[in-house]
Amino acid sequence: MNNNLFSVLERYQSSPENYLTESFVFVLRTLLEKERKIGISLLNIICSGLNGIQYGEENNIVIKTQDPMEEGQPDISISSDERFVYIEVKRDSPLGQNQISTYRSMLSKRKEKFRAIVLLARSQAQIEDKESPDINIFWYQIHRWLMDEQQKILDPVCKFLIMAFIQYLEVTKMAIQKVSWEYEKGILAFNNLIQMMEVAIRDAKLKIYRVSSGWDAKGYYVESAKFFCGIYFDNPLIICYEKYNGKIKIETERLDLGSSTFFCQNANEQTRIIRDFVATSYQKLKD
């Protein structure tokens, strides 16, 4: 389970997209307050290429989220002197029907000289050509910029928040990270571990009910569809043994491979460690 600050708090939110919006604005406001030069740079990255919309440290900047209007509710609005910007935030969902044109109508009623709509999205697939914003920017660009700028941050609170938000973007797959030479060995080692789990389950005198391989995890259902033993891709050092009631997870046991000498052992000893964990977990959760 990921213990990143933003990931932990997300569990208590009903709308991941609104949570992403609020988290990003919280980081942006904190930067503007404590590391203003860097906060202004981030605003200018978001609005880069927009005619007349460039911010300076001397500007009075007001950022609002989910500000309800008669025609619609943009995710973020930024007002500053003669500038006004709507930012529509997308995580997984596409644009709603006529969403940009509705915001365009709302924007036309504003009095500021420079007005614009920015779409902050996960991928190009979320952008509809028929409703083009003034500029498109992607979360992986925000991630890269934060990675480049984090070394310049002196305030400890900002440094902590930026690192946490970078990790959150990575965990939620909003960032595109470099694939390095460890890729081949990593995939082979992961598959070896999955095969070792299969042997360990059988050595524990338990039946493999079904193999499970999804977008977020890989492993085995043990004895029935009630028990899953596997690894989640976002936390590969933890082997989970889970009990379900239908589709609802009700109990979990965990084996942390990183907190022991697991990787120093030979294959037989590693298999024994997993076998003992599986056997103990099954006995504990079966009733």
C-alpha atoms as a PDB file:
ATOM      1  CA  MET A   1       0.000   0.000   0.000  1.00  0.00           C
ATOM      2  CA  ASN A   2       1.383   3.402  -0.941  1.00  0.00           C
ATOM      3  CA  ASN A   3       1.977   5.748   2.022  1.00  0.00           C
ATOM      4  CA  ASN A   4       2.481   8.916   0.012  1.00  0.00           C
ATOM      5  CA  LEU A   5       0.636  11.852   1.654  1.00  0.00           C
ATOM      6  CA  PHE A   6      -1.622  12.620  -1.310  1.00  0.00           C
ATOM      7  CA  SER A   7      -2.304   8.932  -1.979  1.00  0.00           C
ATOM      8  CA  VAL A   8      -3.358   8.346   1.635  1.00  0.00           C
ATOM      9  CA  LEU A   9      -5.705  11.340   1.671  1.00  0.00           C
ATOM     10  CA  GLU A  10      -7.249  10.315  -1.656  1.00  0.00           C
ATOM     11  CA  ARG A  11      -8.869   7.307   0.037  1.00  0.00           C
ATOM     12  CA  TYR A  12     -11.309   9.641   1.753  1.00  0.00           C
ATOM     13  CA  GLN A  13     -12.437  11.378  -1.437  1.00  0.00           C
ATOM     14  CA  SER A  14     -15.357  10.316  -3.628  1.00  0.00           C
ATOM     15  CA  SER A  15     -14.123  12.069  -6.787  1.00  0.00           C
ATOM     16  CA  PRO A  16     -10.492  11.357  -7.810  1.00  0.00           C
ATOM     17  CA  GLU A  17     -10.628  14.123 -10.441  1.00  0.00           C
ATOM     18  CA  ASN A  18     -11.804  16.768  -7.970  1.00  0.00           C
ATOM     19  CA  TYR A  19      -9.209  15.545  -5.488  1.00  0.00           C
ATOM     20  CA  LEU A  20      -6.459  15.886  -8.098  1.00  0.00           C
ATOM     21  CA  THR A  21      -7.649  19.436  -8.809  1.00  0.00           C
ATOM     22  CA  GLU A  22      -7.721  20.451  -5.136  1.00  0.00           C
ATOM     23  CA  SER A  23      -4.313  18.859  -4.474  1.00  0.00           C
ATOM     24  CA  PHE A  24      -2.695  20.624  -7.407  1.00  0.00           C
ATOM     25  CA  VAL A  25      -4.156  23.992  -6.424  1.00  0.00           C
ATOM     26  CA  PHE A  26      -3.020  23.474  -2.827  1.00  0.00           C
ATOM     27  CA  VAL A  27       0.540  22.886  -4.067  1.00  0.00           C
ATOM     28  CA  LEU A  28       0.331  25.900  -6.387  1.00  0.00           C
ATOM     29  CA  ARG A  29      -0.997  28.224  -3.665  1.00  0.00           C
ATOM     30  CA  THR A  30       1.701  27.046  -1.250  1.00  0.00           C
ATOM     31  CA  LEU A  31       4.410  27.751  -3.820  1.00  0.00           C
ATOM     32  CA  LEU A  32       2.994  31.227  -4.494  1.00  0.00           C
ATOM     33  CA  GLU A  33       3.041  31.934  -0.764  1.00  0.00           C
ATOM     34  CA  LYS A  34       6.400  30.455   0.236  1.00  0.00           C
ATOM     35  CA  GLU A  35       8.423  30.140  -2.999  1.00  0.00           C
ATOM     36  CA  ARG A  36       6.763  32.831  -5.098  1.00  0.00           C
ATOM     37  CA  LYS A  37       9.289  32.901  -7.945  1.00  0.00           C
ATOM     38  CA  ILE A  38       8.856  29.163  -8.552  1.00  0.00           C
ATOM     39  CA  GLY A  39       5.069  29.395  -8.175  1.00  0.00           C
ATOM     40  CA  ILE A  40       4.941  32.178 -10.785  1.00  0.00           C
ATOM     41  CA  SER A  41       7.111  30.074 -13.109  1.00  0.00           C
ATOM     42  CA  LEU A  42       4.663  27.171 -12.788  1.00  0.00           C
ATOM     43  CA  LEU A  43       1.736  29.442 -13.641  1.00  0.00           C
ATOM     44  CA  ASN A  44       3.592  30.695 -16.694  1.00  0.00           C
ATOM     45  CA  ILE A  45       4.351  27.113 -17.785  1.00  0.00           C
ATOM     46  CA  ILE A  46       0.639  26.290 -17.588  1.00  0.00           C
ATOM     47  CA  CYS A  47      -0.273  29.382 -19.598  1.00  0.00           C
ATOM     48  CA  SER A  48       2.717  29.353 -21.953  1.00  0.00           C
ATOM     49  CA  GLY A  49       1.849  30.477 -25.458  1.00  0.00           C
ATOM     50  CA  LEU A  50      -1.233  32.429 -24.399  1.00  0.00           C
ATOM     51  CA  ASN A  51      -1.116  35.946 -25.796  1.00  0.00           C
ATOM     52  CA  GLY A  52      -0.935  38.551 -23.035  1.00  0.00           C
ATOM     53  CA  ILE A  53      -1.082  36.047 -20.166  1.00  0.00           C
ATOM     54  CA  GLN A  54       2.216  36.115 -18.329  1.00  0.00           C
ATOM     55  CA  TYR A  55       2.479  36.553 -14.587  1.00  0.00           C
ATOM     56  CA  GLY A  56       5.009  38.423 -12.488  1.00  0.00           C
ATOM     57  CA  GLU A  57       5.840  38.302  -8.792  1.00  0.00           C
ATOM     58  CA  GLU A  58       4.206  41.698  -8.343  1.00  0.00           C
ATOM     59  CA  ASN A  59       0.799  40.514  -9.611  1.00  0.00           C
ATOM     60  CA  ASN A  60      -2.119  39.906  -7.264  1.00  0.00           C
ATOM     61  CA  ILE A  61      -3.254  36.374  -8.169  1.00  0.00           C
ATOM     62  CA  VAL A  62      -6.503  34.779  -7.012  1.00  0.00           C
ATOM     63  CA  ILE A  63      -7.032  31.047  -7.601  1.00  0.00           C
ATOM     64  CA  LYS A  64     -10.420  29.404  -7.049  1.00  0.00           C
ATOM     65  CA  THR A  65     -11.588  25.807  -7.458  1.00  0.00           C
ATOM     66  CA  GLN A  66     -15.021  24.465  -8.340  1.00  0.00           C
ATOM     67  CA  ASP A  67     -16.490  27.976  -8.390  1.00  0.00           C
ATOM     68  CA  PRO A  68     -20.169  27.404  -9.288  1.00  0.00           C
ATOM     69  CA  MET A  69     -21.538  29.586 -12.075  1.00  0.00           C
ATOM     70  CA  GLU A  70     -24.964  29.660 -13.682  1.00  0.00           C
ATOM     71  CA  GLU A  71     -23.781  27.967 -16.899  1.00  0.00           C
ATOM     72  CA  GLY A  72     -21.162  25.589 -15.509  1.00  0.00           C
ATOM     73  CA  GLN A  73     -18.461  24.950 -12.936  1.00  0.00           C
ATOM     74  CA  PRO A  74     -14.862  25.142 -14.203  1.00  0.00           C
ATOM     75  CA  ASP A  75     -12.315  23.193 -12.156  1.00  0.00           C
ATOM     76  CA  ILE A  76      -9.935  26.131 -11.658  1.00  0.00           C
ATOM     77  CA  SER A  77     -10.177  29.853 -12.293  1.00  0.00           C
ATOM     78  CA  ILE A  78      -7.208  32.227 -12.078  1.00  0.00           C
ATOM     79  CA  SER A  79      -7.707  35.964 -12.013  1.00  0.00           C
ATOM     80  CA  SER A  80      -4.993  38.599 -11.962  1.00  0.00           C
ATOM     81  CA  ASP A  81      -5.333  42.229 -12.983  1.00  0.00           C
ATOM     82  CA  GLU A  82      -6.311  42.155 -16.683  1.00  0.00           C
ATOM     83  CA  ARG A  83      -5.968  38.352 -17.003  1.00  0.00           C
ATOM     84  CA  PHE A  84      -8.517  35.598 -16.436  1.00  0.00           C
ATOM     85  CA  VAL A  85      -8.030  31.873 -17.116  1.00  0.00           C
ATOM     86  CA  TYR A  86     -10.238  28.815 -16.775  1.00  0.00           C
ATOM     87  CA  ILE A  87      -8.406  25.502 -16.328  1.00  0.00           C
ATOM     88  CA  GLU A  88     -10.327  22.293 -16.958  1.00  0.00           C
ATOM     89  CA  VAL A  89      -8.652  19.339 -15.215  1.00  0.00           C
ATOM     90  CA  LYS A  90      -8.940  15.787 -16.532  1.00  0.00           C
ATOM     91  CA  ARG A  91      -7.652  12.621 -14.913  1.00  0.00           C
ATOM     92  CA  ASP A  92      -9.330   9.676 -16.672  1.00  0.00           C
ATOM     93  CA  SER A  93     -12.590  11.000 -18.085  1.00  0.00           C
ATOM     94  CA  PRO A  94     -12.989  12.721 -21.468  1.00  0.00           C
ATOM     95  CA  LEU A  95     -14.394  16.199 -21.943  1.00  0.00           C
ATOM     96  CA  GLY A  96     -18.131  16.506 -21.452  1.00  0.00           C
ATOM     97  CA  GLN A  97     -20.363  17.412 -24.346  1.00  0.00           C
ATOM     98  CA  ASN A  98     -20.087  21.149 -25.156  1.00  0.00           C
ATOM     99  CA  GLN A  99     -17.933  21.632 -22.068  1.00  0.00           C
ATOM    100  CA  ILE A 100     -15.352  23.892 -23.682  1.00  0.00           C
ATOM    101  CA  SER A 101     -17.934  25.859 -25.665  1.00  0.00           C
ATOM    102  CA  THR A 102     -19.879  26.454 -22.444  1.00  0.00           C
ATOM    103  CA  TYR A 103     -16.760  27.816 -20.762  1.00  0.00           C
ATOM    104  CA  ARG A 104     -16.071  29.897 -23.857  1.00  0.00           C
ATOM    105  CA  SER A 105     -19.518  31.475 -23.503  1.00  0.00           C
ATOM    106  CA  MET A 106     -18.876  32.166 -19.816  1.00  0.00           C
ATOM    107  CA  LEU A 107     -15.490  33.660 -20.626  1.00  0.00           C
ATOM    108  CA  SER A 108     -16.989  36.039 -23.195  1.00  0.00           C
ATOM    109  CA  LYS A 109     -18.922  37.740 -20.398  1.00  0.00           C
ATOM    110  CA  ARG A 110     -15.776  38.539 -18.416  1.00  0.00           C
ATOM    111  CA  LYS A 111     -14.363  42.088 -18.519  1.00  0.00           C
ATOM    112  CA  GLU A 112     -10.653  41.231 -18.365  1.00  0.00           C
ATOM    113  CA  LYS A 113      -8.615  42.129 -21.464  1.00  0.00           C
ATOM    114  CA  PHE A 114      -6.832  38.748 -21.696  1.00  0.00           C
ATOM    115  CA  ARG A 115      -8.975  35.623 -21.288  1.00  0.00           C
ATOM    116  CA  ALA A 116      -8.247  31.978 -22.040  1.00  0.00           C
ATOM    117  CA  ILE A 117      -9.160  28.318 -21.478  1.00  0.00           C
ATOM    118  CA  VAL A 118      -6.511  25.732 -20.600  1.00  0.00           C
ATOM    119  CA  LEU A 119      -7.089  21.977 -20.668  1.00  0.00           C
ATOM    120  CA  LEU A 120      -4.844  20.079 -18.242  1.00  0.00           C
ATOM    121  CA  ALA A 121      -5.222  16.435 -19.244  1.00  0.00           C
ATOM    122  CA  ARG A 122      -3.621  13.037 -18.919  1.00  0.00           C
ATOM    123  CA  SER A 123      -3.326  12.285 -22.628  1.00  0.00           C
ATOM    124  CA  GLN A 124      -4.120  13.524 -26.106  1.00  0.00           C
ATOM    125  CA  ALA A 125      -7.026  11.067 -26.300  1.00  0.00           C
ATOM    126  CA  GLN A 126      -9.029  13.234 -23.872  1.00  0.00           C
ATOM    127  CA  ILE A 127      -8.972  16.205 -26.239  1.00  0.00           C
ATOM    128  CA  GLU A 128     -11.725  16.717 -28.782  1.00  0.00           C
ATOM    129  CA  ASP A 129     -10.728  18.704 -31.861  1.00  0.00           C
ATOM    130  CA  LYS A 130     -14.209  20.162 -32.266  1.00  0.00           C
ATOM    131  CA  GLU A 131     -13.937  21.872 -28.861  1.00  0.00           C
ATOM    132  CA  SER A 132     -10.400  23.132 -28.695  1.00  0.00           C
ATOM    133  CA  PRO A 133      -9.211  25.062 -25.663  1.00  0.00           C
ATOM    134  CA  ASP A 134      -6.690  27.844 -26.167  1.00  0.00           C
ATOM    135  CA  ILE A 135      -3.890  25.590 -24.984  1.00  0.00           C
ATOM    136  CA  ASN A 136      -3.428  21.938 -24.005  1.00  0.00           C
ATOM    137  CA  ILE A 137      -1.013  20.895 -21.296  1.00  0.00           C
ATOM    138  CA  PHE A 138      -0.452  17.408 -19.919  1.00  0.00           C
ATOM    139  CA  TRP A 139       0.193  16.089 -16.441  1.00  0.00           C
ATOM    140  CA  TYR A 140       3.485  14.491 -17.510  1.00  0.00           C
ATOM    141  CA  GLN A 141       4.718  18.001 -18.422  1.00  0.00           C
ATOM    142  CA  ILE A 142       3.820  19.246 -14.935  1.00  0.00           C
ATOM    143  CA  HIS A 143       5.609  16.229 -13.468  1.00  0.00           C
ATOM    144  CA  ARG A 144       8.783  16.870 -15.485  1.00  0.00           C
ATOM    145  CA  TRP A 145       8.785  20.559 -14.595  1.00  0.00           C
ATOM    146  CA  LEU A 146       8.401  19.809 -10.880  1.00  0.00           C
ATOM    147  CA  MET A 147      11.213  17.250 -11.100  1.00  0.00           C
ATOM    148  CA  ASP A 148      13.491  19.861 -12.691  1.00  0.00           C
ATOM    149  CA  GLU A 149      12.558  22.634 -10.243  1.00  0.00           C
ATOM    150  CA  GLN A 150      12.537  20.719  -6.948  1.00  0.00           C
ATOM    151  CA  GLN A 151      16.268  21.260  -6.359  1.00  0.00           C
ATOM    152  CA  LYS A 152      15.738  25.032  -6.372  1.00  0.00           C
ATOM    153  CA  ILE A 153      13.177  24.926  -3.559  1.00  0.00           C
ATOM    154  CA  LEU A 154      14.499  26.036  -0.165  1.00  0.00           C
ATOM    155  CA  ASP A 155      11.371  26.114   1.989  1.00  0.00           C
ATOM    156  CA  PRO A 156      11.076  22.699   3.752  1.00  0.00           C
ATOM    157  CA  VAL A 157       7.266  22.627   3.583  1.00  0.00           C
ATOM    158  CA  CYS A 158       7.289  23.289  -0.168  1.00  0.00           C
ATOM    159  CA  LYS A 159      10.041  20.744  -0.699  1.00  0.00           C
ATOM    160  CA  PHE A 160       8.024  18.081   1.126  1.00  0.00           C
ATOM    161  CA  LEU A 161       4.803  18.906  -0.748  1.00  0.00           C
ATOM    162  CA  ILE A 162       6.476  18.914  -4.154  1.00  0.00           C
ATOM    163  CA  MET A 163       8.119  15.540  -3.535  1.00  0.00           C
ATOM    164  CA  ALA A 164       4.810  14.097  -2.300  1.00  0.00           C
ATOM    165  CA  PHE A 165       2.899  15.462  -5.302  1.00  0.00           C
ATOM    166  CA  ILE A 166       5.540  14.147  -7.735  1.00  0.00           C
ATOM    167  CA  GLN A 167       5.180  10.693  -6.160  1.00  0.00           C
ATOM    168  CA  TYR A 168       1.388  10.970  -6.297  1.00  0.00           C
ATOM    169  CA  LEU A 169       1.483  11.731 -10.037  1.00  0.00           C
ATOM    170  CA  GLU A 170       3.707   8.686 -10.516  1.00  0.00           C
ATOM    171  CA  VAL A 171       1.522   6.363  -8.430  1.00  0.00           C
ATOM    172  CA  THR A 172      -1.622   7.468 -10.283  1.00  0.00           C
ATOM    173  CA  LYS A 173       0.180   7.015 -13.625  1.00  0.00           C
ATOM    174  CA  MET A 174      -0.166  10.664 -14.551  1.00  0.00           C
ATOM    175  CA  ALA A 175       3.583  10.878 -15.207  1.00  0.00           C
ATOM    176  CA  ILE A 176       5.689   9.390 -17.984  1.00  0.00           C
ATOM    177  CA  GLN A 177       8.994   8.189 -16.604  1.00  0.00           C
ATOM    178  CA  LYS A 178      12.100   7.046 -18.395  1.00  0.00           C
ATOM    179  CA  VAL A 179      12.466   3.308 -18.998  1.00  0.00           C
ATOM    180  CA  SER A 180      16.044   2.367 -18.091  1.00  0.00           C
ATOM    181  CA  TRP A 181      18.209  -0.676 -18.749  1.00  0.00           C
ATOM    182  CA  GLU A 182      16.897  -2.433 -15.598  1.00  0.00           C
ATOM    183  CA  TYR A 183      13.608  -3.076 -17.456  1.00  0.00           C
ATOM    184  CA  GLU A 184      14.569  -6.497 -18.837  1.00  0.00           C
ATOM    185  CA  LYS A 185      15.945  -7.895 -15.579  1.00  0.00           C
ATOM    186  CA  GLY A 186      13.052  -6.380 -13.632  1.00  0.00           C
ATOM    187  CA  ILE A 187      10.416  -8.148 -15.724  1.00  0.00           C
ATOM    188  CA  LEU A 188      12.282 -11.449 -15.501  1.00  0.00           C
ATOM    189  CA  ALA A 189      12.687 -11.125 -11.712  1.00  0.00           C
ATOM    190  CA  PHE A 190       8.986 -10.283 -11.294  1.00  0.00           C
ATOM    191  CA  ASN A 191       7.913 -13.324 -13.319  1.00  0.00           C
ATOM    192  CA  ASN A 192      10.303 -15.487 -11.273  1.00  0.00           C
ATOM    193  CA  LEU A 193       8.625 -14.238  -8.100  1.00  0.00           C
ATOM    194  CA  ILE A 194       5.148 -14.994  -9.472  1.00  0.00           C
ATOM    195  CA  GLN A 195       6.246 -18.524 -10.361  1.00  0.00           C
ATOM    196  CA  MET A 196       7.779 -18.914  -6.912  1.00  0.00           C
ATOM    197  CA  MET A 197       4.441 -17.908  -5.377  1.00  0.00           C
ATOM    198  CA  GLU A 198       2.717 -20.663  -7.379  1.00  0.00           C
ATOM    199  CA  VAL A 199       5.134 -23.272  -6.036  1.00  0.00           C
ATOM    200  CA  ALA A 200       4.800 -21.909  -2.493  1.00  0.00           C
ATOM    201  CA  ILE A 201       0.990 -22.126  -2.629  1.00  0.00           C
ATOM    202  CA  ARG A 202       1.139 -25.737  -3.788  1.00  0.00           C
ATOM    203  CA  ASP A 203       3.803 -26.555  -1.153  1.00  0.00           C
ATOM    204  CA  ALA A 204       1.380 -25.205   1.467  1.00  0.00           C
ATOM    205  CA  LYS A 205      -1.043 -27.944   0.331  1.00  0.00           C
ATOM    206  CA  LEU A 206      -3.441 -25.375  -1.081  1.00  0.00           C
ATOM    207  CA  LYS A 207      -5.185 -25.401  -4.437  1.00  0.00           C
ATOM    208  CA  ILE A 208      -4.798 -22.700  -7.060  1.00  0.00           C
ATOM    209  CA  TYR A 209      -8.366 -21.851  -7.947  1.00  0.00           C
ATOM    210  CA  ARG A 210      -7.570 -19.371 -10.714  1.00  0.00           C
ATOM    211  CA  VAL A 211      -4.667 -17.349 -12.111  1.00  0.00           C
ATOM    212  CA  SER A 212      -5.299 -13.598 -12.035  1.00  0.00           C
ATOM    213  CA  SER A 213      -3.512 -11.046 -14.201  1.00  0.00           C
ATOM    214  CA  GLY A 214      -4.997  -7.559 -14.426  1.00  0.00           C
ATOM    215  CA  TRP A 215      -3.959  -3.959 -14.981  1.00  0.00           C
ATOM    216  CA  ASP A 216      -3.105  -3.411 -11.322  1.00  0.00           C
ATOM    217  CA  ALA A 217      -2.023  -6.780  -9.927  1.00  0.00           C
ATOM    218  CA  LYS A 218      -0.922 -10.331 -10.711  1.00  0.00           C
ATOM    219  CA  GLY A 219      -1.284 -13.469  -8.627  1.00  0.00           C
ATOM    220  CA  TYR A 220      -3.530 -16.400  -7.766  1.00  0.00           C
ATOM    221  CA  TYR A 221      -6.906 -17.055  -6.238  1.00  0.00           C
ATOM    222  CA  VAL A 222      -6.361 -19.726  -3.579  1.00  0.00           C
ATOM    223  CA  GLU A 223      -8.911 -22.480  -2.900  1.00  0.00           C
ATOM    224  CA  SER A 224     -11.794 -20.270  -4.098  1.00  0.00           C
ATOM    225  CA  ALA A 225     -12.626 -16.790  -5.396  1.00  0.00           C
ATOM    226  CA  LYS A 226     -12.634 -15.602  -1.754  1.00  0.00           C
ATOM    227  CA  PHE A 227      -8.845 -15.564  -1.352  1.00  0.00           C
ATOM    228  CA  PHE A 228      -6.309 -13.712  -3.522  1.00  0.00           C
ATOM    229  CA  CYS A 229      -2.550 -13.966  -3.145  1.00  0.00           C
ATOM    230  CA  GLY A 230      -0.585 -11.602  -5.348  1.00  0.00           C
ATOM    231  CA  ILE A 231       1.395  -8.457  -5.964  1.00  0.00           C
ATOM    232  CA  TYR A 232       0.107  -5.004  -6.879  1.00  0.00           C
ATOM    233  CA  PHE A 233       2.233  -3.329  -9.524  1.00  0.00           C
ATOM    234  CA  ASP A 234       2.418  -0.015  -7.643  1.00  0.00           C
ATOM    235  CA  ASN A 235       3.915  -1.750  -4.580  1.00  0.00           C
ATOM    236  CA  PRO A 236       5.973  -4.695  -5.854  1.00  0.00           C
ATOM    237  CA  LEU A 237       7.772  -5.392  -2.557  1.00  0.00           C
ATOM    238  CA  ILE A 238       4.558  -6.472  -0.833  1.00  0.00           C
ATOM    239  CA  ILE A 239       2.903  -9.879  -1.292  1.00  0.00           C
ATOM    240  CA  CYS A 240      -0.749  -9.558  -0.288  1.00  0.00           C
ATOM    241  CA  TYR A 241      -3.061 -12.310   0.889  1.00  0.00           C
ATOM    242  CA  GLU A 242      -6.606 -10.962   0.725  1.00  0.00           C
ATOM    243  CA  LYS A 243     -10.036 -12.199   1.737  1.00  0.00           C
ATOM    244  CA  TYR A 244     -13.079 -11.087  -0.235  1.00  0.00           C
ATOM    245  CA  ASN A 245     -16.794 -11.077   0.329  1.00  0.00           C
ATOM    246  CA  GLY A 246     -18.008 -10.958  -3.245  1.00  0.00           C
ATOM    247  CA  LYS A 247     -16.068  -8.056  -4.768  1.00  0.00           C
ATOM    248  CA  ILE A 248     -15.432  -6.367  -1.420  1.00  0.00           C
ATOM    249  CA  LYS A 249     -12.025  -6.822   0.197  1.00  0.00           C
ATOM    250  CA  ILE A 250     -12.548  -7.404   3.909  1.00  0.00           C
ATOM    251  CA  GLU A 251      -9.141  -8.513   5.282  1.00  0.00           C
ATOM    252  CA  THR A 252      -5.505  -8.406   4.149  1.00  0.00           C
ATOM    253  CA  GLU A 253      -2.270  -9.982   5.319  1.00  0.00           C
ATOM    254  CA  ARG A 254       1.047  -8.672   3.966  1.00  0.00           C
ATOM    255  CA  LEU A 255       4.556 -10.004   3.511  1.00  0.00           C
ATOM    256  CA  ASP A 256       7.046  -7.143   3.121  1.00  0.00           C
ATOM    257  CA  LEU A 257       9.959  -8.468   1.077  1.00  0.00           C
ATOM    258  CA  GLY A 258      11.915  -5.262   1.567  1.00  0.00           C
ATOM    259  CA  SER A 259      11.961  -5.336   5.375  1.00  0.00           C
ATOM    260  CA  SER A 260      13.618  -8.746   5.668  1.00  0.00           C
ATOM    261  CA  THR A 261      16.635 -10.582   4.265  1.00  0.00           C
ATOM    262  CA  PHE A 262      14.427 -12.167   1.591  1.00  0.00           C
ATOM    263  CA  PHE A 263      16.585 -11.105  -1.355  1.00  0.00           C
ATOM    264  CA  CYS A 264      19.737 -12.453   0.326  1.00  0.00           C
ATOM    265  CA  GLN A 265      18.316 -15.991   0.506  1.00  0.00           C
ATOM    266  CA  ASN A 266      18.588 -18.774  -2.045  1.00  0.00           C
ATOM    267  CA  ALA A 267      15.548 -19.833  -4.078  1.00  0.00           C
ATOM    268  CA  ASN A 268      14.574 -22.684  -1.743  1.00  0.00           C
ATOM    269  CA  GLU A 269      14.594 -20.462   1.334  1.00  0.00           C
ATOM    270  CA  GLN A 270      12.681 -17.714  -0.486  1.00  0.00           C
ATOM    271  CA  THR A 271      10.020 -20.255  -1.469  1.00  0.00           C
ATOM    272  CA  ARG A 272       9.793 -21.459   2.149  1.00  0.00           C
ATOM    273  CA  ILE A 273       9.267 -17.875   3.391  1.00  0.00           C
ATOM    274  CA  ILE A 274       6.405 -17.339   0.947  1.00  0.00           C
ATOM    275  CA  ARG A 275       4.943 -20.798   1.706  1.00  0.00           C
ATOM    276  CA  ASP A 276       4.876 -20.109   5.447  1.00  0.00           C
ATOM    277  CA  PHE A 277       3.268 -16.715   4.833  1.00  0.00           C
ATOM    278  CA  VAL A 278       0.580 -18.214   2.585  1.00  0.00           C
ATOM    279  CA  ALA A 279      -0.157 -21.091   4.973  1.00  0.00           C
ATOM    280  CA  THR A 280      -0.386 -18.801   7.999  1.00  0.00           C
ATOM    281  CA  SER A 281      -2.539 -16.256   6.143  1.00  0.00           C
ATOM    282  CA  TYR A 282      -4.921 -18.930   4.915  1.00  0.00           C
ATOM    283  CA  GLN A 283      -5.391 -20.362   8.406  1.00  0.00           C
ATOM    284  CA  LYS A 284      -5.934 -16.897   9.856  1.00  0.00           C
ATOM    285  CA  LEU A 285      -8.459 -15.699   7.252  1.00  0.00           C
ATOM    286  CA  LYS A 286     -10.320 -18.844   6.276  1.00  0.00           C
ATOM    287  CA  ASP A 287     -12.981 -18.552   9.004  1.00  0.00           C
END
